């Protein structure tokens, strides 16, 4: 049985030699370069929706 996510968990990862902080919260996921405030943030619903779109053909003019 999995433990319910009730508060934010932060972990450090390294991508191409650069340190980043990954924050996993009940609202979603955030990836921020270490010592910076702005980063990439996605809600769980947005992540789930992106996964569903992979099975569909691309929309005209859309990259990806």
PDB file of N, CA and C in Angstrom:
ATOM      1  N   UNK A   1       0.834  -1.175   0.000  1.00  0.00           N
ATOM      2  CA  UNK A   1       0.000   0.000   0.000  1.00  0.00           C
ATOM      3  C   UNK A   1       0.883   1.243   0.000  1.00  0.00           C
ATOM      4  N   UNK A   2       0.575   2.192  -0.839  1.00  0.00           N
ATOM      5  CA  UNK A   2       1.358   3.421  -0.948  1.00  0.00           C
ATOM      6  C   UNK A   2       0.955   4.421   0.135  1.00  0.00           C
ATOM      7  N   UNK A   3       1.912   5.257   0.527  1.00  0.00           N
ATOM      8  CA  UNK A   3       1.660   6.305   1.506  1.00  0.00           C
ATOM      9  C   UNK A   3       1.080   7.524   0.803  1.00  0.00           C
ATOM     10  N   UNK A   4       0.040   8.106   1.359  1.00  0.00           N
ATOM     11  CA  UNK A   4      -0.602   9.279   0.779  1.00  0.00           C
ATOM     12  C   UNK A   4       0.348  10.475   0.848  1.00  0.00           C
ATOM     13  N   UNK A   5       0.428  11.237  -0.239  1.00  0.00           N
ATOM     14  CA  UNK A   5       1.271  12.429  -0.306  1.00  0.00           C
ATOM     15  C   UNK A   5       0.491  13.597   0.286  1.00  0.00           C
ATOM     16  N   UNK A   6       0.901  14.058   1.458  1.00  0.00           N
ATOM     17  CA  UNK A   6       0.168  15.112   2.155  1.00  0.00           C
ATOM     18  C   UNK A   6       0.932  16.423   2.237  1.00  0.00           C
ATOM     19  N   UNK A   7       2.237  16.392   2.003  1.00  0.00           N
ATOM     20  CA  UNK A   7       3.025  17.625   2.012  1.00  0.00           C
ATOM     21  C   UNK A   7       4.151  17.502   0.995  1.00  0.00           C
ATOM     22  N   UNK A   8       4.807  18.603   0.722  1.00  0.00           N
ATOM     23  CA  UNK A   8       5.834  18.653  -0.314  1.00  0.00           C
ATOM     24  C   UNK A   8       7.093  17.895   0.104  1.00  0.00           C
ATOM     25  N   UNK A   9       7.627  17.131  -0.848  1.00  0.00           N
ATOM     26  CA  UNK A   9       8.895  16.422  -0.681  1.00  0.00           C
ATOM     27  C   UNK A   9       9.880  17.050  -1.664  1.00  0.00           C
ATOM     28  N   UNK A  10      11.062  17.427  -1.187  1.00  0.00           N
ATOM     29  CA  UNK A  10      12.076  18.031  -2.054  1.00  0.00           C
ATOM     30  C   UNK A  10      13.297  17.123  -2.121  1.00  0.00           C
ATOM     31  N   UNK A  11      13.812  16.968  -3.339  1.00  0.00           N
ATOM     32  CA  UNK A  11      15.021  16.172  -3.551  1.00  0.00           C
ATOM     33  C   UNK A  11      15.905  16.883  -4.564  1.00  0.00           C
ATOM     34  N   UNK A  12      17.210  16.683  -4.439  1.00  0.00           N
ATOM     35  CA  UNK A  12      18.162  17.270  -5.382  1.00  0.00           C
ATOM     36  C   UNK A  12      18.546  16.223  -6.415  1.00  0.00           C
ATOM     37  N   UNK A  13      18.592  16.655  -7.676  1.00  0.00           N
ATOM     38  CA  UNK A  13      19.050  15.792  -8.764  1.00  0.00           C
ATOM     39  C   UNK A  13      20.082  16.560  -9.575  1.00  0.00           C
ATOM     40  N   UNK A  14      20.840  15.854 -10.406  1.00  0.00           N
ATOM     41  CA  UNK A  14      21.829  16.479 -11.275  1.00  0.00           C
ATOM     42  C   UNK A  14      21.486  16.161 -12.721  1.00  0.00           C
ATOM     43  N   UNK A  15      21.417  17.209 -13.547  1.00  0.00           N
ATOM     44  CA  UNK A  15      21.163  17.063 -14.977  1.00  0.00           C
ATOM     45  C   UNK A  15      22.291  17.775 -15.708  1.00  0.00           C
ATOM     46  N   UNK A  16      23.069  17.039 -16.493  1.00  0.00           N
ATOM     47  CA  UNK A  16      24.215  17.598 -17.227  1.00  0.00           C
ATOM     48  C   UNK A  16      25.140  18.400 -16.318  1.00  0.00           C
ATOM     49  N   UNK A  17      25.395  17.902 -15.116  1.00  0.00           N
ATOM     50  CA  UNK A  17      26.313  18.549 -14.194  1.00  0.00           C
ATOM     51  C   UNK A  17      25.726  19.717 -13.418  1.00  0.00           C
ATOM     52  N   UNK A  18      24.476  20.084 -13.656  1.00  0.00           N
ATOM     53  CA  UNK A  18      23.806  21.189 -12.966  1.00  0.00           C
ATOM     54  C   UNK A  18      22.884  20.628 -11.884  1.00  0.00           C
ATOM     55  N   UNK A  19      22.876  21.259 -10.711  1.00  0.00           N
ATOM     56  CA  UNK A  19      22.014  20.815  -9.612  1.00  0.00           C
ATOM     57  C   UNK A  19      20.615  21.409  -9.756  1.00  0.00           C
ATOM     58  N   UNK A  20      19.602  20.572  -9.574  1.00  0.00           N
ATOM     59  CA  UNK A  20      18.199  20.979  -9.633  1.00  0.00           C
ATOM     60  C   UNK A  20      17.488  20.455  -8.397  1.00  0.00           C
ATOM     61  N   UNK A  21      16.405  21.130  -8.040  1.00  0.00           N
ATOM     62  CA  UNK A  21      15.547  20.664  -6.958  1.00  0.00           C
ATOM     63  C   UNK A  21      14.229  20.210  -7.557  1.00  0.00           C
ATOM     64  N   UNK A  22      13.812  19.005  -7.199  1.00  0.00           N
ATOM     65  CA  UNK A  22      12.513  18.478  -7.606  1.00  0.00           C
ATOM     66  C   UNK A  22      11.617  18.537  -6.376  1.00  0.00           C
ATOM     67  N   UNK A  23      10.475  19.207  -6.511  1.00  0.00           N
ATOM     68  CA  UNK A  23       9.499  19.278  -5.426  1.00  0.00           C
ATOM     69  C   UNK A  23       8.247  18.531  -5.870  1.00  0.00           C
ATOM     70  N   UNK A  24       7.879  17.522  -5.107  1.00  0.00           N
ATOM     71  CA  UNK A  24       6.684  16.730  -5.392  1.00  0.00           C
ATOM     72  C   UNK A  24       5.671  17.059  -4.296  1.00  0.00           C
ATOM     73  N   UNK A  25       4.521  17.597  -4.708  1.00  0.00           N
ATOM     74  CA  UNK A  25       3.496  18.003  -3.752  1.00  0.00           C
ATOM     75  C   UNK A  25       2.158  17.388  -4.133  1.00  0.00           C
ATOM     76  N   UNK A  26       1.166  17.497  -3.270  1.00  0.00           N
ATOM     77  CA  UNK A  26      -0.163  16.995  -3.631  1.00  0.00           C
ATOM     78  C   UNK A  26      -0.741  17.702  -4.862  1.00  0.00           C
ATOM     79  N   UNK A  27      -0.282  18.917  -5.144  1.00  0.00           N
ATOM     80  CA  UNK A  27      -0.781  19.675  -6.290  1.00  0.00           C
ATOM     81  C   UNK A  27      -0.090  19.307  -7.596  1.00  0.00           C
ATOM     82  N   UNK A  28       1.183  18.895  -7.533  1.00  0.00           N
ATOM     83  CA  UNK A  28       1.901  18.575  -8.760  1.00  0.00           C
ATOM     84  C   UNK A  28       3.396  18.459  -8.554  1.00  0.00           C
ATOM     85  N   UNK A  29       4.131  18.739  -9.620  1.00  0.00           N
ATOM     86  CA  UNK A  29       5.578  18.559  -9.663  1.00  0.00           C
ATOM     87  C   UNK A  29       6.232  19.870 -10.069  1.00  0.00           C
ATOM     88  N   UNK A  30       7.378  20.200  -9.460  1.00  0.00           N
ATOM     89  CA  UNK A  30       8.102  21.419  -9.807  1.00  0.00           C
ATOM     90  C   UNK A  30       9.587  21.095  -9.911  1.00  0.00           C
ATOM     91  N   UNK A  31      10.219  21.556 -10.993  1.00  0.00           N
ATOM     92  CA  UNK A  31      11.651  21.369 -11.216  1.00  0.00           C
ATOM     93  C   UNK A  31      12.286  22.750 -11.301  1.00  0.00           C
ATOM     94  N   UNK A  32      13.241  23.019 -10.404  1.00  0.00           N
ATOM     95  CA  UNK A  32      13.863  24.333 -10.309  1.00  0.00           C
ATOM     96  C   UNK A  32      15.374  24.177 -10.252  1.00  0.00           C
ATOM     97  N   UNK A  33      16.085  25.027 -10.989  1.00  0.00           N
ATOM     98  CA  UNK A  33      17.540  25.042 -10.904  1.00  0.00           C
ATOM     99  C   UNK A  33      17.927  25.478  -9.491  1.00  0.00           C
ATOM    100  N   UNK A  34      18.884  24.796  -8.899  1.00  0.00           N
ATOM    101  CA  UNK A  34      19.274  25.073  -7.515  1.00  0.00           C
ATOM    102  C   UNK A  34      19.682  26.540  -7.360  1.00  0.00           C
ATOM    103  N   UNK A  35      19.240  27.147  -6.278  1.00  0.00           N
ATOM    104  CA  UNK A  35      19.473  28.543  -5.927  1.00  0.00           C
ATOM    105  C   UNK A  35      18.675  29.524  -6.792  1.00  0.00           C
ATOM    106  N   UNK A  36      17.679  29.052  -7.505  1.00  0.00           N
ATOM    107  CA  UNK A  36      16.787  29.912  -8.284  1.00  0.00           C
ATOM    108  C   UNK A  36      15.364  29.699  -7.791  1.00  0.00           C
ATOM    109  N   UNK A  37      14.513  30.682  -8.011  1.00  0.00           N
ATOM    110  CA  UNK A  37      13.122  30.579  -7.552  1.00  0.00           C
ATOM    111  C   UNK A  37      12.181  30.099  -8.637  1.00  0.00           C
ATOM    112  N   UNK A  38      12.396  30.558  -9.855  1.00  0.00           N
ATOM    113  CA  UNK A  38      11.478  30.164 -10.927  1.00  0.00           C
ATOM    114  C   UNK A  38      11.908  28.821 -11.507  1.00  0.00           C
ATOM    115  N   UNK A  39      10.935  28.085 -11.977  1.00  0.00           N
ATOM    116  CA  UNK A  39      11.211  26.779 -12.548  1.00  0.00           C
ATOM    117  C   UNK A  39      10.026  26.308 -13.356  1.00  0.00           C
ATOM    118  N   UNK A  40      10.033  25.046 -13.690  1.00  0.00           N
ATOM    119  CA  UNK A  40       8.947  24.441 -14.455  1.00  0.00           C
ATOM    120  C   UNK A  40       8.011  23.757 -13.470  1.00  0.00           C
ATOM    121  N   UNK A  41       6.717  24.056 -13.589  1.00  0.00           N
ATOM    122  CA  UNK A  41       5.740  23.484 -12.679  1.00  0.00           C
ATOM    123  C   UNK A  41       4.574  22.921 -13.475  1.00  0.00           C
ATOM    124  N   UNK A  42       4.133  21.721 -13.104  1.00  0.00           N
ATOM    125  CA  UNK A  42       2.981  21.097 -13.757  1.00  0.00           C
ATOM    126  C   UNK A  42       2.102  20.444 -12.710  1.00  0.00           C
ATOM    127  N   UNK A  43       0.805  20.590 -12.892  1.00  0.00           N
ATOM    128  CA  UNK A  43      -0.135  19.919 -11.991  1.00  0.00           C
ATOM    129  C   UNK A  43      -0.219  18.451 -12.391  1.00  0.00           C
ATOM    130  N   UNK A  44      -0.683  17.619 -11.474  1.00  0.00           N
ATOM    131  CA  UNK A  44      -0.838  16.197 -11.780  1.00  0.00           C
ATOM    132  C   UNK A  44      -1.835  16.001 -12.918  1.00  0.00           C
ATOM    133  N   UNK A  45      -2.877  16.820 -12.953  1.00  0.00           N
ATOM    134  CA  UNK A  45      -3.874  16.710 -14.021  1.00  0.00           C
ATOM    135  C   UNK A  45      -3.241  17.017 -15.377  1.00  0.00           C
ATOM    136  N   UNK A  46      -2.388  18.048 -15.438  1.00  0.00           N
ATOM    137  CA  UNK A  46      -1.714  18.397 -16.692  1.00  0.00           C
ATOM    138  C   UNK A  46      -0.771  17.279 -17.135  1.00  0.00           C
ATOM    139  N   UNK A  47      -0.064  16.679 -16.199  1.00  0.00           N
ATOM    140  CA  UNK A  47       0.834  15.565 -16.530  1.00  0.00           C
ATOM    141  C   UNK A  47       0.025  14.389 -17.065  1.00  0.00           C
ATOM    142  N   UNK A  48      -1.083  14.079 -16.426  1.00  0.00           N
ATOM    143  CA  UNK A  48      -1.944  12.975 -16.857  1.00  0.00           C
ATOM    144  C   UNK A  48      -2.499  13.245 -18.250  1.00  0.00           C
ATOM    145  N   UNK A  49      -2.936  14.486 -18.494  1.00  0.00           N
ATOM    146  CA  UNK A  49      -3.488  14.861 -19.799  1.00  0.00           C
ATOM    147  C   UNK A  49      -2.427  14.744 -20.887  1.00  0.00           C
ATOM    148  N   UNK A  50      -1.196  15.157 -20.608  1.00  0.00           N
ATOM    149  CA  UNK A  50      -0.102  15.034 -21.578  1.00  0.00           C
ATOM    150  C   UNK A  50       0.122  13.578 -21.947  1.00  0.00           C
ATOM    151  N   UNK A  51       0.045  12.690 -20.985  1.00  0.00           N
ATOM    152  CA  UNK A  51       0.233  11.265 -21.242  1.00  0.00           C
ATOM    153  C   UNK A  51      -0.847  10.699 -22.141  1.00  0.00           C
ATOM    154  N   UNK A  52      -2.080  11.163 -21.958  1.00  0.00           N
ATOM    155  CA  UNK A  52      -3.191  10.708 -22.799  1.00  0.00           C
ATOM    156  C   UNK A  52      -3.033  11.179 -24.234  1.00  0.00           C
ATOM    157  N   UNK A  53      -2.444  12.345 -24.442  1.00  0.00           N
ATOM    158  CA  UNK A  53      -2.309  12.924 -25.777  1.00  0.00           C
ATOM    159  C   UNK A  53      -1.283  12.188 -26.633  1.00  0.00           C
ATOM    160  N   UNK A  54      -0.409  11.410 -26.049  1.00  0.00           N
ATOM    161  CA  UNK A  54       0.616  10.695 -26.821  1.00  0.00           C
ATOM    162  C   UNK A  54       0.010   9.664 -27.758  1.00  0.00           C
ATOM    163  N   UNK A  55      -1.167   9.159 -27.420  1.00  0.00           N
ATOM    164  CA  UNK A  55      -1.821   8.151 -28.245  1.00  0.00           C
ATOM    165  C   UNK A  55      -2.571   8.760 -29.426  1.00  0.00           C
ATOM    166  N   UNK A  56      -2.767  10.081 -29.402  1.00  0.00           N
ATOM    167  CA  UNK A  56      -3.500  10.757 -30.464  1.00  0.00           C
ATOM    168  C   UNK A  56      -2.533  11.241 -31.537  1.00  0.00           C
ATOM    169  N   UNK A  57      -3.002  11.357 -32.784  1.00  0.00           N
ATOM    170  CA  UNK A  57      -2.140  11.934 -33.820  1.00  0.00           C
ATOM    171  C   UNK A  57      -1.900  13.415 -33.533  1.00  0.00           C
ATOM    172  N   UNK A  58      -0.731  13.963 -33.909  1.00  0.00           N
ATOM    173  CA  UNK A  58      -0.446  15.373 -33.625  1.00  0.00           C
ATOM    174  C   UNK A  58      -1.399  16.299 -34.375  1.00  0.00           C
ATOM    175  N   UNK A  59      -1.720  17.419 -33.741  1.00  0.00           N
ATOM    176  CA  UNK A  59      -2.565  18.439 -34.351  1.00  0.00           C
ATOM    177  C   UNK A  59      -1.714  19.210 -35.352  1.00  0.00           C
ATOM    178  N   UNK A  60      -2.303  19.603 -36.471  1.00  0.00           N
ATOM    179  CA  UNK A  60      -1.586  20.350 -37.510  1.00  0.00           C
ATOM    180  C   UNK A  60      -0.895  21.566 -36.906  1.00  0.00           C
ATOM    181  N   UNK A  61       0.393  21.714 -37.145  1.00  0.00           N
ATOM    182  CA  UNK A  61       1.160  22.849 -36.645  1.00  0.00           C
ATOM    183  C   UNK A  61       1.703  22.653 -35.237  1.00  0.00           C
ATOM    184  N   UNK A  62       1.387  21.559 -34.583  1.00  0.00           N
ATOM    185  CA  UNK A  62       1.859  21.296 -33.227  1.00  0.00           C
ATOM    186  C   UNK A  62       3.172  20.530 -33.281  1.00  0.00           C
ATOM    187  N   UNK A  63       4.097  20.913 -32.423  1.00  0.00           N
ATOM    188  CA  UNK A  63       5.380  20.213 -32.346  1.00  0.00           C
ATOM    189  C   UNK A  63       5.313  19.194 -31.229  1.00  0.00           C
ATOM    190  N   UNK A  64       6.090  18.122 -31.357  1.00  0.00           N
ATOM    191  CA  UNK A  64       6.160  17.213 -30.235  1.00  0.00           C
ATOM    192  C   UNK A  64       6.102  15.819 -30.630  1.00  0.00           C
TER     193      UNK A  64
END
